[in-house]
N, C-alpha and C. Protein backbone atom coordinates (compact mmCIF):
# COMPACT_ATOMS: atom_id res chain seq x y z
N MET A 1 28.83 28.17 -12.62
CA MET A 1 29.56 28.41 -14.23
C MET A 1 31.26 28.31 -14.31
N THR A 2 31.13 27.96 -14.95
CA THR A 2 32.76 28.48 -15.18
C THR A 2 32.90 29.61 -16.40
N ASP A 3 33.87 30.75 -16.03
CA ASP A 3 34.60 31.87 -16.57
C ASP A 3 35.00 31.57 -18.01
N TYR A 4 34.89 31.00 -18.99
CA TYR A 4 36.07 30.51 -19.49
C TYR A 4 36.66 31.35 -20.63
N ARG A 5 35.77 33.12 -20.63
CA ARG A 5 37.36 33.89 -21.00
C ARG A 5 38.22 33.88 -19.66
N GLU A 6 38.11 33.45 -18.31
CA GLU A 6 39.64 33.96 -17.84
C GLU A 6 40.04 32.80 -17.85
N LYS A 7 39.52 31.46 -18.08
CA LYS A 7 40.43 30.13 -18.16
C LYS A 7 40.84 30.08 -19.48
N ALA A 8 40.18 30.67 -20.51
CA ALA A 8 41.18 31.03 -22.25
C ALA A 8 42.22 31.89 -21.72
N VAL A 9 42.08 33.03 -21.21
CA VAL A 9 43.27 33.70 -21.29
C VAL A 9 44.44 33.47 -20.38
N GLN A 10 44.35 32.81 -19.35
CA GLN A 10 44.83 32.15 -18.52
C GLN A 10 45.94 31.04 -19.26
N CYS A 11 45.38 29.92 -20.24
CA CYS A 11 45.69 29.58 -21.03
C CYS A 11 46.96 30.00 -22.28
N VAL A 12 46.39 30.96 -22.65
CA VAL A 12 47.29 31.26 -23.63
C VAL A 12 48.51 32.40 -23.64
N LYS A 13 47.24 33.78 -22.60
CA LYS A 13 48.71 34.78 -22.39
C LYS A 13 49.95 34.29 -22.46
N ASP A 14 50.42 33.47 -21.65
CA ASP A 14 52.40 33.22 -21.91
C ASP A 14 52.30 32.52 -22.80
N THR A 15 51.90 31.84 -23.73
CA THR A 15 52.48 30.91 -24.70
C THR A 15 52.00 31.28 -26.12
N VAL A 16 50.85 31.13 -26.28
CA VAL A 16 49.48 30.84 -27.72
C VAL A 16 50.36 32.78 -27.85
N LEU A 17 49.59 33.04 -27.14
CA LEU A 17 49.56 34.83 -27.64
C LEU A 17 51.09 34.96 -27.70
N PRO A 18 51.90 35.39 -27.26
CA PRO A 18 53.42 35.86 -27.39
C PRO A 18 53.95 35.01 -29.35
N LEU A 19 53.46 33.68 -28.90
CA LEU A 19 54.22 33.15 -30.33
C LEU A 19 53.49 34.00 -31.16
N GLN A 20 51.52 33.99 -31.62
CA GLN A 20 51.03 34.48 -32.14
C GLN A 20 51.40 35.96 -32.85
N ARG A 21 51.74 36.62 -31.53
CA ARG A 21 52.20 37.87 -31.75
C ARG A 21 53.62 37.98 -33.02
N LYS A 22 54.34 37.31 -32.04
CA LYS A 22 55.37 37.24 -32.99
C LYS A 22 55.32 36.98 -34.48
N MET A 23 54.62 35.88 -34.71
CA MET A 23 54.28 35.81 -35.95
C MET A 23 53.86 36.83 -36.85
N PHE A 24 52.80 37.30 -36.19
CA PHE A 24 51.86 38.75 -36.71
C PHE A 24 52.74 39.94 -36.83
N GLN A 25 53.89 39.90 -35.98
CA GLN A 25 54.09 41.00 -36.78
C GLN A 25 55.72 40.97 -37.78
N GLU A 26 56.35 39.99 -37.55
CA GLU A 26 56.87 39.05 -38.40
C GLU A 26 56.33 39.39 -39.43
N CYS A 27 54.94 39.48 -39.88
CA CYS A 27 54.05 39.14 -41.00
C CYS A 27 53.81 40.87 -41.55
N GLY A 28 54.64 41.58 -40.47
CA GLY A 28 53.81 42.90 -41.51
C GLY A 28 52.53 42.83 -40.55
N CYS A 29 52.15 42.71 -39.87
CA CYS A 29 50.77 42.72 -38.60
C CYS A 29 49.28 42.76 -39.53
N ASP A 30 49.74 41.48 -40.44
CA ASP A 30 49.02 41.20 -41.47
C ASP A 30 48.42 39.73 -41.20
N LEU A 31 46.67 39.85 -40.66
CA LEU A 31 46.51 38.36 -40.65
C LEU A 31 46.89 37.47 -41.95
N ASP A 32 46.60 38.16 -42.96
CA ASP A 32 46.40 36.97 -44.72
C ASP A 32 47.86 36.76 -44.44
N ALA A 33 48.33 37.34 -44.63
CA ALA A 33 49.81 37.14 -44.75
C ALA A 33 50.44 35.99 -43.69
N GLN A 34 50.34 36.21 -42.21
CA GLN A 34 50.27 35.05 -41.13
C GLN A 34 49.81 34.11 -42.08
N TYR A 35 48.70 33.83 -42.01
CA TYR A 35 47.81 32.46 -42.17
C TYR A 35 48.18 31.98 -43.13
N GLN A 36 48.71 32.74 -44.23
CA GLN A 36 49.71 32.07 -45.77
C GLN A 36 50.46 31.37 -45.18
N LYS A 37 51.61 32.33 -44.30
CA LYS A 37 52.86 31.29 -44.13
C LYS A 37 52.83 30.46 -42.67
N TYR A 38 51.66 30.25 -41.94
CA TYR A 38 51.88 29.71 -40.86
C TYR A 38 50.65 28.79 -40.14
N GLY A 39 49.26 29.00 -41.86
CA GLY A 39 48.27 28.69 -41.23
C GLY A 39 48.45 27.36 -41.47
N THR A 40 49.35 26.35 -41.40
CA THR A 40 49.05 25.15 -41.03
C THR A 40 50.43 24.76 -39.97
N SER A 41 49.68 23.72 -39.59
CA SER A 41 50.86 23.02 -38.88
C SER A 41 49.96 21.82 -37.32
N ASP A 42 51.20 21.44 -36.97
CA ASP A 42 50.30 20.15 -36.46
C ASP A 42 49.42 20.05 -35.07
N GLY A 43 49.81 21.85 -34.43
CA GLY A 43 48.41 21.86 -33.72
C GLY A 43 47.24 23.10 -33.91
N PHE A 44 47.79 24.03 -35.35
CA PHE A 44 46.87 24.50 -35.35
C PHE A 44 46.73 24.94 -36.88
N PHE A 45 45.54 25.01 -37.87
CA PHE A 45 45.05 25.38 -38.95
C PHE A 45 44.54 26.92 -39.15
N ALA A 46 44.36 27.78 -39.85
CA ALA A 46 43.91 28.40 -40.45
C ALA A 46 43.65 29.07 -41.71
N ASN A 47 42.63 28.96 -42.75
CA ASN A 47 42.05 29.32 -43.74
C ASN A 47 41.56 30.81 -43.94
N ILE A 48 41.92 31.33 -45.18
CA ILE A 48 41.52 32.60 -45.29
C ILE A 48 40.55 32.63 -46.39
N ILE A 49 39.23 32.81 -45.85
CA ILE A 49 37.73 32.60 -46.64
C ILE A 49 37.50 33.58 -47.07
N GLN A 50 37.63 34.87 -46.95
CA GLN A 50 37.37 36.27 -47.27
C GLN A 50 38.29 37.28 -46.77
N PRO A 51 39.45 37.80 -47.54
CA PRO A 51 40.77 38.53 -47.09
C PRO A 51 40.54 39.18 -46.22
N GLY A 52 41.41 39.29 -45.18
CA GLY A 52 40.85 40.52 -44.65
C GLY A 52 39.63 40.83 -43.74
N ARG A 53 38.95 39.84 -43.64
CA ARG A 53 37.83 39.71 -42.81
C ARG A 53 37.70 38.06 -42.49
N ILE A 54 37.05 36.87 -43.37
CA ILE A 54 36.46 35.87 -42.61
C ILE A 54 37.67 34.90 -42.95
N TYR A 55 37.50 33.93 -41.35
CA TYR A 55 38.45 33.34 -41.43
C TYR A 55 37.94 31.63 -41.31
N GLU A 56 38.48 30.49 -41.24
CA GLU A 56 38.07 29.71 -40.57
C GLU A 56 39.31 28.91 -40.18
N MET A 57 39.33 28.91 -38.88
CA MET A 57 40.58 28.38 -38.39
C MET A 57 40.23 27.32 -36.96
N GLY A 58 41.48 26.77 -36.15
CA GLY A 58 41.09 25.41 -35.16
C GLY A 58 42.31 25.17 -35.41
N TYR A 59 42.13 23.44 -34.48
CA TYR A 59 42.89 22.83 -34.47
C TYR A 59 42.75 21.36 -35.03
N PRO A 60 43.91 20.36 -35.81
CA PRO A 60 43.83 19.71 -36.41
C PRO A 60 43.44 18.20 -34.97
N LYS A 61 43.27 18.71 -33.61
CA LYS A 61 43.12 17.14 -32.67
C LYS A 61 42.77 18.42 -31.73
N CYS A 62 41.99 17.99 -30.69
CA CYS A 62 42.21 18.99 -29.23
C CYS A 62 43.07 18.57 -28.94
N VAL A 63 43.69 20.17 -28.57
CA VAL A 63 44.92 20.63 -28.17
C VAL A 63 44.46 20.85 -26.67
N CYS A 64 43.80 20.57 -25.74
CA CYS A 64 43.84 21.51 -24.80
C CYS A 64 43.42 20.17 -23.08
N PRO A 65 44.58 20.59 -22.78
CA PRO A 65 45.18 19.49 -21.79
C PRO A 65 44.48 19.03 -20.76
N GLU A 66 43.63 19.73 -20.38
CA GLU A 66 41.68 18.99 -19.43
C GLU A 66 41.61 17.02 -20.27
N VAL A 67 41.01 18.24 -21.27
CA VAL A 67 40.10 17.03 -22.48
C VAL A 67 41.09 15.90 -22.28
N LEU A 68 42.50 16.08 -22.57
CA LEU A 68 43.45 15.12 -23.12
C LEU A 68 43.82 14.36 -21.96
N SER A 69 43.48 14.86 -21.00
CA SER A 69 43.61 14.24 -19.16
C SER A 69 42.76 12.72 -19.03
N GLY A 70 41.55 13.56 -19.26
CA GLY A 70 40.19 12.53 -19.97
C GLY A 70 39.30 13.37 -18.48
N ALA A 71 39.70 14.55 -17.87
CA ALA A 71 39.24 15.40 -17.00
C ALA A 71 37.80 15.81 -17.12
N VAL A 72 38.28 16.35 -18.87
CA VAL A 72 36.50 16.69 -19.06
C VAL A 72 36.11 16.20 -20.11
N ARG A 73 34.98 16.51 -21.07
CA ARG A 73 34.70 15.67 -21.53
C ARG A 73 33.07 16.48 -22.12
N ASP A 74 32.75 17.43 -21.24
CA ASP A 74 31.09 18.51 -21.61
C ASP A 74 31.84 18.77 -22.59
N PRO A 75 30.91 19.14 -24.17
CA PRO A 75 31.30 19.92 -25.07
C PRO A 75 31.22 21.55 -24.78
N ALA A 76 30.58 21.49 -23.44
CA ALA A 76 30.41 23.23 -23.09
C ALA A 76 31.89 23.42 -23.15
N HIS A 77 33.02 22.58 -22.77
CA HIS A 77 33.97 23.54 -21.85
C HIS A 77 35.83 23.81 -23.51
N CYS A 78 34.74 23.61 -24.93
CA CYS A 78 35.03 24.13 -26.09
C CYS A 78 35.02 25.76 -25.86
N GLU A 79 33.70 25.84 -25.50
CA GLU A 79 33.69 27.61 -25.23
C GLU A 79 35.41 27.87 -24.83
N CYS A 80 36.04 27.63 -23.91
CA CYS A 80 37.73 28.33 -23.61
C CYS A 80 38.39 28.30 -25.27
N SER A 81 38.05 27.40 -25.37
CA SER A 81 39.03 27.10 -27.37
C SER A 81 38.40 28.51 -27.49
N ARG A 82 37.16 28.44 -28.43
CA ARG A 82 36.19 29.58 -28.76
C ARG A 82 37.29 31.46 -28.50
N GLN A 83 36.85 31.38 -26.66
CA GLN A 83 37.39 32.66 -25.84
C GLN A 83 38.95 32.67 -26.32
N SER A 84 39.80 32.11 -26.24
CA SER A 84 41.21 31.70 -26.31
C SER A 84 41.44 33.00 -27.91
N ILE A 85 40.82 31.82 -29.02
CA ILE A 85 41.06 32.41 -30.25
C ILE A 85 40.55 33.86 -30.32
N ALA A 86 39.19 34.17 -29.87
CA ALA A 86 39.06 35.74 -29.84
C ALA A 86 39.79 36.81 -28.83
N TYR A 87 40.43 35.87 -27.75
CA TYR A 87 41.76 37.46 -26.84
C TYR A 87 42.74 37.00 -27.56
N ILE A 88 42.75 35.76 -28.80
CA ILE A 88 44.38 36.57 -29.30
C ILE A 88 44.14 37.51 -29.84
N LEU A 89 42.84 37.41 -30.84
CA LEU A 89 42.50 38.37 -32.16
C LEU A 89 42.79 39.34 -31.83
N GLU A 90 41.93 39.64 -30.75
CA GLU A 90 41.35 40.73 -30.28
C GLU A 90 43.06 41.35 -29.27
N SER A 91 43.84 41.02 -28.99
CA SER A 91 45.04 40.82 -28.79
C SER A 91 45.82 41.64 -29.63
N LEU A 92 45.81 40.81 -31.00
CA LEU A 92 46.33 41.14 -31.96
C LEU A 92 45.51 42.33 -33.23
N LEU A 93 44.48 42.75 -32.58
CA LEU A 93 43.87 43.59 -33.38
C LEU A 93 42.98 44.72 -32.61
N PRO A 94 43.14 45.47 -31.63
CA PRO A 94 42.35 45.75 -30.45
C PRO A 94 41.82 47.01 -31.15
N ASP A 95 42.31 47.46 -32.41
CA ASP A 95 40.81 48.48 -32.75
C ASP A 95 40.12 47.70 -33.88
N ARG A 96 39.48 46.52 -33.91
CA ARG A 96 38.92 45.73 -35.03
C ARG A 96 38.28 44.91 -34.35
N SER A 97 36.73 44.19 -34.15
CA SER A 97 36.06 44.02 -33.88
C SER A 97 36.25 42.20 -34.32
N ILE A 98 36.17 41.19 -33.07
CA ILE A 98 36.17 40.00 -33.53
C ILE A 98 35.39 39.20 -32.78
N ALA A 99 33.90 38.91 -34.03
CA ALA A 99 33.39 37.40 -33.44
C ALA A 99 34.01 36.17 -33.99
N VAL A 100 34.26 35.13 -33.19
CA VAL A 100 34.52 34.03 -33.41
C VAL A 100 32.81 32.80 -33.41
N GLU A 101 32.75 32.17 -33.83
CA GLU A 101 31.99 30.98 -33.66
C GLU A 101 32.32 29.83 -33.57
N THR A 102 31.94 28.92 -32.98
CA THR A 102 32.41 27.26 -32.40
C THR A 102 31.42 26.94 -34.55
N MET A 103 32.36 26.41 -34.98
CA MET A 103 31.64 25.00 -36.37
C MET A 103 31.58 23.78 -35.78
N GLU A 104 32.44 23.20 -35.27
CA GLU A 104 32.55 21.58 -34.75
C GLU A 104 33.90 21.76 -33.38
N THR A 105 33.83 20.46 -32.52
CA THR A 105 34.88 20.13 -32.01
C THR A 105 35.23 18.71 -31.70
N VAL A 106 35.70 18.47 -31.45
CA VAL A 106 36.11 17.10 -31.20
C VAL A 106 35.57 16.79 -29.95
N LEU A 107 35.12 17.26 -29.09
CA LEU A 107 33.87 17.15 -28.14
C LEU A 107 32.53 16.51 -28.32
N THR A 108 32.37 17.51 -29.51
CA THR A 108 30.64 17.34 -30.34
C THR A 108 30.32 15.94 -31.07
N GLY A 109 31.64 15.09 -30.79
CA GLY A 109 32.15 14.32 -32.19
C GLY A 109 32.57 14.15 -33.40
N ALA A 110 33.17 15.57 -33.64
CA ALA A 110 34.00 15.85 -34.92
C ALA A 110 35.65 15.28 -34.62
N ASP A 111 36.21 15.54 -36.21
CA ASP A 111 37.33 15.32 -36.24
C ASP A 111 38.34 16.06 -35.36
N ARG A 112 37.95 17.25 -36.27
CA ARG A 112 38.91 18.37 -35.44
C ARG A 112 37.96 19.33 -35.03
N CYS A 113 38.39 20.31 -34.26
CA CYS A 113 38.03 21.58 -33.96
C CYS A 113 37.94 23.08 -34.24
N ARG A 114 37.08 23.46 -35.34
CA ARG A 114 36.93 24.32 -36.58
C ARG A 114 36.20 26.03 -35.87
N PHE A 115 36.71 26.62 -36.16
CA PHE A 115 35.62 28.21 -35.62
C PHE A 115 36.02 29.16 -36.92
N LEU A 116 34.46 29.89 -36.96
CA LEU A 116 34.87 30.54 -38.25
C LEU A 116 34.69 32.29 -37.14
N VAL A 117 35.74 33.08 -38.10
CA VAL A 117 36.22 34.13 -37.37
C VAL A 117 36.06 35.34 -38.12
N THR A 118 35.55 36.62 -38.15
CA THR A 118 34.75 37.42 -38.67
C THR A 118 35.64 38.17 -37.98
N VAL A 119 36.15 39.65 -38.88
CA VAL A 119 36.84 41.11 -38.46
C VAL A 119 36.23 42.22 -39.13
N GLU A 120 35.95 42.58 -38.26
CA GLU A 120 35.03 43.91 -39.03
C GLU A 120 36.01 45.20 -38.84
């Protein structure tokens, strides 16, 4: 069985995490402010459902290099994306509990990848 957590960490720790951390700090370590300012881009979106607590986030299209290369087609691989979102948010908010639920992904037939995030 694939360890998607470790795969996710390796994928984002030196690329996406530093970028997200920079934006987070620039926005006063406030996710709502970060997502209001940076919540829409070609590669990522974040919508505030309940300020400070519930977010919908994801990717307007699949961004996984393994999927884009055709090497992976199994929807179970989208667990890697779920884990990467969890890892980034746990890194930004170490004192909070983060839950990330997969809503839909490109590999399950959707147009985009969407995840529901709850911060406690």
